[in-house]
Amino acid sequence: MPILLVWDNDQKSILRQVYVGHWTQEDFFASFAEAEALYSSVEHDIDLIIDLRQNQTNPLSMINTFSRTESRVHPNHASVTVVGVNSFIRVLGGISLKLAPRLSRNLAFVATLDEAYAHIRQMRARRLASRV
């Protein structure tokens, strides 16, 4: 499958969605359904990393998915960190903030996985501080 989902830690609190090569909207929706099941398998917040470093599909096709996925955002969804971005992906992220604000919650763009993990640590610290 051109869109892979893997837990990125033993606590199952970071889910990484890796886009490899060419994929279709059908691939995306199959991956989204799989992610929904993974989100439902735990009761805590999940931070999502979208890894586009190996993506070869024009991400413009993602715009059509925003409205269909916004209504299905899982309550455990805490943040999205996109790895491997260019200026076009950043523009697409701005559009997603308007069309799918819950899905794009706490959206960040980074160049590396290390930066993604650092962003997630910062987001978690803020969430923890706001609960106290």
N, C-alpha and C. Protein backbone atom coordinates (compact mmCIF):
# COMPACT_ATOMS: atom_id res chain seq x y z
N MET A 1 0.84 -1.18 0.00
CA MET A 1 0.00 0.00 0.00
C MET A 1 0.88 1.24 0.00
N PRO A 2 0.56 2.23 -0.81
CA PRO A 2 1.41 3.42 -0.91
C PRO A 2 1.30 4.38 0.26
N ILE A 3 0.33 4.16 1.16
CA ILE A 3 0.23 4.96 2.38
C ILE A 3 0.30 3.99 3.55
N LEU A 4 1.39 4.09 4.28
CA LEU A 4 1.64 3.16 5.39
C LEU A 4 1.33 3.83 6.72
N LEU A 5 0.80 3.08 7.65
CA LEU A 5 0.54 3.57 9.00
C LEU A 5 1.33 2.74 9.99
N VAL A 6 2.07 3.41 10.86
CA VAL A 6 2.85 2.71 11.88
C VAL A 6 2.78 3.50 13.19
N TRP A 7 2.70 2.75 14.29
CA TRP A 7 2.87 3.40 15.59
C TRP A 7 4.34 3.77 15.70
N ASP A 8 4.61 4.98 16.13
CA ASP A 8 5.99 5.46 16.22
C ASP A 8 6.58 5.31 17.61
N ASN A 9 5.79 4.81 18.55
CA ASN A 9 6.33 4.57 19.88
C ASN A 9 5.54 3.44 20.55
N ASP A 10 6.12 2.88 21.60
CA ASP A 10 5.49 1.76 22.30
C ASP A 10 4.20 2.16 23.01
N GLN A 11 4.08 3.42 23.37
CA GLN A 11 2.88 3.89 24.07
C GLN A 11 1.69 4.09 23.13
N LYS A 12 1.92 3.96 21.85
CA LYS A 12 0.88 4.17 20.83
C LYS A 12 0.24 5.55 20.97
N SER A 13 1.11 6.54 21.09
CA SER A 13 0.63 7.92 21.19
C SER A 13 1.09 8.77 20.02
N ILE A 14 1.94 8.20 19.16
CA ILE A 14 2.35 8.88 17.94
C ILE A 14 2.10 7.91 16.79
N LEU A 15 1.28 8.36 15.85
CA LEU A 15 0.97 7.56 14.67
C LEU A 15 1.61 8.24 13.47
N ARG A 16 2.38 7.47 12.71
CA ARG A 16 3.04 8.04 11.52
C ARG A 16 2.37 7.48 10.27
N GLN A 17 1.99 8.39 9.39
CA GLN A 17 1.37 8.05 8.10
C GLN A 17 2.41 8.40 7.04
N VAL A 18 2.93 7.37 6.36
CA VAL A 18 4.01 7.55 5.40
C VAL A 18 3.48 7.39 3.98
N TYR A 19 3.63 8.43 3.19
CA TYR A 19 3.21 8.42 1.79
C TYR A 19 4.41 8.03 0.94
N VAL A 20 4.27 6.91 0.22
CA VAL A 20 5.37 6.37 -0.58
C VAL A 20 4.94 6.31 -2.03
N GLY A 21 5.67 7.02 -2.89
CA GLY A 21 5.39 6.94 -4.33
C GLY A 21 4.05 7.56 -4.69
N HIS A 22 3.37 6.90 -5.61
CA HIS A 22 2.09 7.38 -6.12
C HIS A 22 0.95 6.73 -5.36
N TRP A 23 -0.08 7.50 -5.06
CA TRP A 23 -1.24 7.00 -4.35
C TRP A 23 -2.48 7.68 -4.92
N THR A 24 -3.63 7.08 -4.64
CA THR A 24 -4.90 7.61 -5.14
C THR A 24 -5.76 8.05 -3.95
N GLN A 25 -6.87 8.71 -4.26
CA GLN A 25 -7.79 9.07 -3.18
C GLN A 25 -8.34 7.83 -2.51
N GLU A 26 -8.53 6.77 -3.27
CA GLU A 26 -8.99 5.51 -2.67
C GLU A 26 -7.97 5.00 -1.65
N ASP A 27 -6.68 5.10 -2.01
CA ASP A 27 -5.63 4.72 -1.07
C ASP A 27 -5.70 5.58 0.19
N PHE A 28 -5.92 6.88 -0.01
CA PHE A 28 -6.01 7.78 1.13
C PHE A 28 -7.16 7.40 2.05
N PHE A 29 -8.34 7.17 1.47
CA PHE A 29 -9.49 6.85 2.31
C PHE A 29 -9.35 5.49 2.99
N ALA A 30 -8.68 4.54 2.36
CA ALA A 30 -8.39 3.26 3.01
C ALA A 30 -7.46 3.49 4.19
N SER A 31 -6.46 4.33 4.01
CA SER A 31 -5.53 4.65 5.09
C SER A 31 -6.25 5.40 6.21
N PHE A 32 -7.16 6.29 5.86
CA PHE A 32 -7.91 7.05 6.86
C PHE A 32 -8.76 6.10 7.71
N ALA A 33 -9.40 5.13 7.07
CA ALA A 33 -10.20 4.15 7.80
C ALA A 33 -9.33 3.32 8.74
N GLU A 34 -8.15 2.94 8.26
CA GLU A 34 -7.21 2.20 9.11
C GLU A 34 -6.78 3.06 10.30
N ALA A 35 -6.52 4.34 10.05
CA ALA A 35 -6.13 5.25 11.13
C ALA A 35 -7.26 5.39 12.15
N GLU A 36 -8.50 5.47 11.68
CA GLU A 36 -9.64 5.56 12.61
C GLU A 36 -9.65 4.36 13.56
N ALA A 37 -9.39 3.17 13.03
CA ALA A 37 -9.37 1.97 13.87
C ALA A 37 -8.23 2.04 14.88
N LEU A 38 -7.08 2.54 14.46
CA LEU A 38 -5.93 2.65 15.38
C LEU A 38 -6.22 3.69 16.46
N TYR A 39 -6.80 4.82 16.09
CA TYR A 39 -7.18 5.84 17.07
C TYR A 39 -8.15 5.25 18.09
N SER A 40 -9.09 4.45 17.61
CA SER A 40 -10.11 3.86 18.49
C SER A 40 -9.55 2.76 19.38
N SER A 41 -8.38 2.26 19.07
CA SER A 41 -7.81 1.16 19.86
C SER A 41 -7.16 1.64 21.16
N VAL A 42 -7.06 2.95 21.34
CA VAL A 42 -6.48 3.52 22.56
C VAL A 42 -7.41 4.60 23.10
N GLU A 43 -7.18 5.00 24.34
CA GLU A 43 -8.06 5.99 24.97
C GLU A 43 -7.36 7.32 25.24
N HIS A 44 -6.13 7.48 24.77
CA HIS A 44 -5.39 8.71 25.03
C HIS A 44 -5.20 9.51 23.74
N ASP A 45 -4.66 10.72 23.89
CA ASP A 45 -4.39 11.59 22.74
C ASP A 45 -3.36 10.94 21.82
N ILE A 46 -3.54 11.19 20.53
CA ILE A 46 -2.60 10.70 19.52
C ILE A 46 -2.13 11.89 18.69
N ASP A 47 -0.83 11.98 18.52
CA ASP A 47 -0.23 12.98 17.64
C ASP A 47 0.10 12.28 16.33
N LEU A 48 -0.31 12.89 15.24
CA LEU A 48 -0.12 12.31 13.92
C LEU A 48 1.06 12.96 13.21
N ILE A 49 1.94 12.14 12.67
CA ILE A 49 3.02 12.62 11.79
C ILE A 49 2.67 12.17 10.39
N ILE A 50 2.59 13.12 9.48
CA ILE A 50 2.39 12.80 8.06
C ILE A 50 3.74 12.97 7.39
N ASP A 51 4.28 11.87 6.92
CA ASP A 51 5.63 11.85 6.33
C ASP A 51 5.51 11.85 4.81
N LEU A 52 5.83 12.99 4.21
CA LEU A 52 5.72 13.16 2.75
C LEU A 52 7.07 13.10 2.04
N ARG A 53 8.10 12.68 2.72
CA ARG A 53 9.43 12.71 2.12
C ARG A 53 9.56 11.80 0.90
N GLN A 54 8.74 10.75 0.80
CA GLN A 54 8.81 9.84 -0.35
C GLN A 54 7.59 9.96 -1.26
N ASN A 55 6.77 10.97 -1.01
CA ASN A 55 5.55 11.18 -1.79
C ASN A 55 5.89 11.58 -3.23
N GLN A 56 5.16 11.01 -4.18
CA GLN A 56 5.33 11.38 -5.59
C GLN A 56 4.00 11.77 -6.23
N THR A 57 2.96 11.92 -5.44
CA THR A 57 1.65 12.29 -5.95
C THR A 57 1.43 13.78 -5.71
N ASN A 58 0.80 14.44 -6.67
CA ASN A 58 0.48 15.85 -6.52
C ASN A 58 -0.49 15.99 -5.35
N PRO A 59 -0.10 16.66 -4.29
CA PRO A 59 -0.94 16.75 -3.10
C PRO A 59 -2.19 17.61 -3.31
N LEU A 60 -2.31 18.25 -4.46
CA LEU A 60 -3.51 19.04 -4.74
C LEU A 60 -4.76 18.17 -4.65
N SER A 61 -4.61 16.89 -4.93
CA SER A 61 -5.74 15.97 -4.84
C SER A 61 -6.27 15.86 -3.42
N MET A 62 -5.49 16.29 -2.44
CA MET A 62 -5.91 16.22 -1.04
C MET A 62 -7.06 17.18 -0.73
N ILE A 63 -7.18 18.27 -1.47
CA ILE A 63 -8.21 19.26 -1.16
C ILE A 63 -9.59 18.61 -1.14
N ASN A 64 -9.84 17.69 -2.06
CA ASN A 64 -11.14 17.02 -2.11
C ASN A 64 -11.41 16.17 -0.88
N THR A 65 -10.38 15.77 -0.16
CA THR A 65 -10.56 14.89 0.99
C THR A 65 -10.88 15.66 2.27
N PHE A 66 -10.58 16.95 2.32
CA PHE A 66 -10.72 17.70 3.56
C PHE A 66 -12.15 17.66 4.11
N SER A 67 -13.13 17.95 3.28
CA SER A 67 -14.50 18.00 3.79
C SER A 67 -14.99 16.61 4.20
N ARG A 68 -14.58 15.58 3.50
CA ARG A 68 -15.01 14.21 3.84
C ARG A 68 -14.39 13.72 5.13
N THR A 69 -13.21 14.17 5.44
CA THR A 69 -12.54 13.68 6.65
C THR A 69 -12.79 14.56 7.87
N GLU A 70 -13.11 15.81 7.66
CA GLU A 70 -13.31 16.74 8.79
C GLU A 70 -14.40 16.22 9.74
N SER A 71 -15.46 15.70 9.21
CA SER A 71 -16.56 15.24 10.06
C SER A 71 -16.23 13.93 10.78
N ARG A 72 -15.13 13.28 10.40
CA ARG A 72 -14.76 11.99 10.98
C ARG A 72 -13.51 12.09 11.87
N VAL A 73 -13.11 13.27 12.24
CA VAL A 73 -11.92 13.42 13.08
C VAL A 73 -12.18 12.76 14.43
N HIS A 74 -11.27 11.91 14.84
CA HIS A 74 -11.42 11.15 16.08
C HIS A 74 -11.19 12.06 17.29
N PRO A 75 -11.92 11.83 18.38
CA PRO A 75 -11.72 12.66 19.59
C PRO A 75 -10.31 12.59 20.16
N ASN A 76 -9.57 11.51 19.89
CA ASN A 76 -8.20 11.37 20.39
C ASN A 76 -7.18 12.16 19.57
N HIS A 77 -7.60 12.72 18.46
CA HIS A 77 -6.68 13.43 17.56
C HIS A 77 -6.18 14.71 18.23
N ALA A 78 -4.87 14.82 18.44
CA ALA A 78 -4.31 15.97 19.16
C ALA A 78 -3.56 16.96 18.26
N SER A 79 -2.78 16.44 17.30
CA SER A 79 -2.00 17.35 16.46
C SER A 79 -1.59 16.65 15.17
N VAL A 80 -1.16 17.48 14.22
CA VAL A 80 -0.62 16.98 12.95
C VAL A 80 0.70 17.68 12.70
N THR A 81 1.73 16.88 12.43
CA THR A 81 3.03 17.42 12.06
C THR A 81 3.39 16.82 10.71
N VAL A 82 3.63 17.68 9.73
CA VAL A 82 3.94 17.23 8.38
C VAL A 82 5.43 17.34 8.14
N VAL A 83 6.03 16.21 7.73
CA VAL A 83 7.48 16.14 7.48
C VAL A 83 7.72 16.09 5.98
N GLY A 84 8.71 16.86 5.52
CA GLY A 84 9.08 16.83 4.10
C GLY A 84 8.24 17.76 3.27
N VAL A 85 8.21 19.01 3.64
CA VAL A 85 7.31 19.96 2.99
C VAL A 85 8.05 20.88 2.03
N ASN A 86 7.29 21.42 1.14
CA ASN A 86 7.76 22.49 0.26
C ASN A 86 6.73 23.62 0.35
N SER A 87 6.93 24.68 -0.39
CA SER A 87 6.02 25.83 -0.29
C SER A 87 4.60 25.48 -0.72
N PHE A 88 4.46 24.57 -1.68
CA PHE A 88 3.13 24.17 -2.12
C PHE A 88 2.38 23.45 -1.00
N ILE A 89 3.07 22.59 -0.28
CA ILE A 89 2.45 21.86 0.85
C ILE A 89 2.03 22.85 1.93
N ARG A 90 2.83 23.87 2.16
CA ARG A 90 2.47 24.88 3.15
C ARG A 90 1.19 25.61 2.76
N VAL A 91 1.05 25.93 1.48
CA VAL A 91 -0.17 26.58 1.00
C VAL A 91 -1.36 25.63 1.20
N LEU A 92 -1.17 24.38 0.87
CA LEU A 92 -2.21 23.38 1.06
C LEU A 92 -2.59 23.28 2.54
N GLY A 93 -1.62 23.39 3.41
CA GLY A 93 -1.89 23.38 4.85
C GLY A 93 -2.74 24.56 5.27
N GLY A 94 -2.48 25.72 4.68
CA GLY A 94 -3.31 26.90 4.96
C GLY A 94 -4.75 26.68 4.53
N ILE A 95 -4.93 26.03 3.40
CA ILE A 95 -6.28 25.72 2.93
C ILE A 95 -6.94 24.73 3.89
N SER A 96 -6.20 23.74 4.34
CA SER A 96 -6.78 22.74 5.25
C SER A 96 -7.22 23.38 6.56
N LEU A 97 -6.50 24.40 7.03
CA LEU A 97 -6.89 25.08 8.25
C LEU A 97 -8.28 25.70 8.12
N LYS A 98 -8.61 26.14 6.91
CA LYS A 98 -9.91 26.76 6.67
C LYS A 98 -11.00 25.72 6.42
N LEU A 99 -10.68 24.69 5.65
CA LEU A 99 -11.68 23.69 5.26
C LEU A 99 -11.84 22.57 6.29
N ALA A 100 -10.80 22.31 7.05
CA ALA A 100 -10.83 21.20 8.01
C ALA A 100 -10.09 21.58 9.29
N PRO A 101 -10.63 22.53 10.05
CA PRO A 101 -9.89 23.01 11.24
C PRO A 101 -9.68 21.95 12.31
N ARG A 102 -10.60 21.04 12.50
CA ARG A 102 -10.40 19.98 13.52
C ARG A 102 -9.34 19.00 13.07
N LEU A 103 -9.37 18.64 11.78
CA LEU A 103 -8.38 17.72 11.24
C LEU A 103 -6.98 18.34 11.28
N SER A 104 -6.91 19.64 11.07
CA SER A 104 -5.62 20.35 11.01
C SER A 104 -5.21 20.91 12.36
N ARG A 105 -5.82 20.43 13.41
CA ARG A 105 -5.55 20.93 14.77
C ARG A 105 -4.05 20.86 15.07
N ASN A 106 -3.53 21.98 15.55
CA ASN A 106 -2.12 22.05 15.95
C ASN A 106 -1.19 21.63 14.82
N LEU A 107 -1.45 22.13 13.63
CA LEU A 107 -0.68 21.79 12.43
C LEU A 107 0.69 22.46 12.44
N ALA A 108 1.70 21.67 12.09
CA ALA A 108 3.06 22.20 11.98
C ALA A 108 3.74 21.54 10.79
N PHE A 109 4.70 22.25 10.22
CA PHE A 109 5.48 21.75 9.09
C PHE A 109 6.94 21.72 9.50
N VAL A 110 7.58 20.58 9.26
CA VAL A 110 8.99 20.43 9.62
C VAL A 110 9.73 19.70 8.50
N ALA A 111 11.05 19.72 8.58
CA ALA A 111 11.86 19.08 7.54
C ALA A 111 12.25 17.65 7.88
N THR A 112 12.37 17.34 9.18
CA THR A 112 12.89 16.02 9.57
C THR A 112 12.00 15.38 10.64
N LEU A 113 12.18 14.08 10.82
CA LEU A 113 11.46 13.39 11.89
C LEU A 113 11.89 13.90 13.27
N ASP A 114 13.18 14.19 13.43
CA ASP A 114 13.63 14.73 14.72
C ASP A 114 12.90 16.02 15.07
N GLU A 115 12.69 16.88 14.06
CA GLU A 115 11.94 18.12 14.29
C GLU A 115 10.48 17.81 14.62
N ALA A 116 9.92 16.78 14.00
CA ALA A 116 8.54 16.38 14.29
C ALA A 116 8.41 15.95 15.75
N TYR A 117 9.33 15.12 16.21
CA TYR A 117 9.29 14.67 17.61
C TYR A 117 9.45 15.85 18.56
N ALA A 118 10.32 16.79 18.23
CA ALA A 118 10.50 17.98 19.07
C ALA A 118 9.21 18.79 19.13
N HIS A 119 8.55 18.95 17.99
CA HIS A 119 7.28 19.68 17.96
C HIS A 119 6.24 18.98 18.83
N ILE A 120 6.17 17.67 18.72
CA ILE A 120 5.20 16.91 19.51
C ILE A 120 5.49 17.06 21.00
N ARG A 121 6.76 17.01 21.40
CA ARG A 121 7.10 17.21 22.81
C ARG A 121 6.63 18.59 23.29
N GLN A 122 6.82 19.62 22.45
CA GLN A 122 6.37 20.97 22.82
C GLN A 122 4.85 21.02 22.95
N MET A 123 4.14 20.41 21.99
CA MET A 123 2.68 20.42 22.03
C MET A 123 2.18 19.69 23.29
N ARG A 124 2.80 18.57 23.62
CA ARG A 124 2.40 17.81 24.80
C ARG A 124 2.65 18.60 26.08
N ALA A 125 3.78 19.30 26.14
CA ALA A 125 4.07 20.13 27.31
C ALA A 125 3.02 21.22 27.47
N ARG A 126 2.60 21.84 26.38
CA ARG A 126 1.56 22.87 26.44
C ARG A 126 0.22 22.27 26.87
N ARG A 127 -0.12 21.10 26.34
CA ARG A 127 -1.38 20.46 26.74
C ARG A 127 -1.36 20.14 28.22
N LEU A 128 -0.24 19.62 28.70
CA LEU A 128 -0.11 19.26 30.10
C LEU A 128 -0.22 20.51 30.97
N ALA A 129 0.45 21.59 30.58
CA ALA A 129 0.42 22.83 31.36
C ALA A 129 -1.00 23.43 31.39
N SER A 130 -1.74 23.28 30.31
CA SER A 130 -3.10 23.85 30.28
C SER A 130 -4.08 23.05 31.12
N ARG A 131 -3.76 21.81 31.45
CA ARG A 131 -4.64 20.97 32.28
C ARG A 131 -4.44 21.21 33.76
N VAL A 132 -3.33 21.86 34.10
CA VAL A 132 -3.01 22.06 35.53
C VAL A 132 -3.68 23.30 36.04
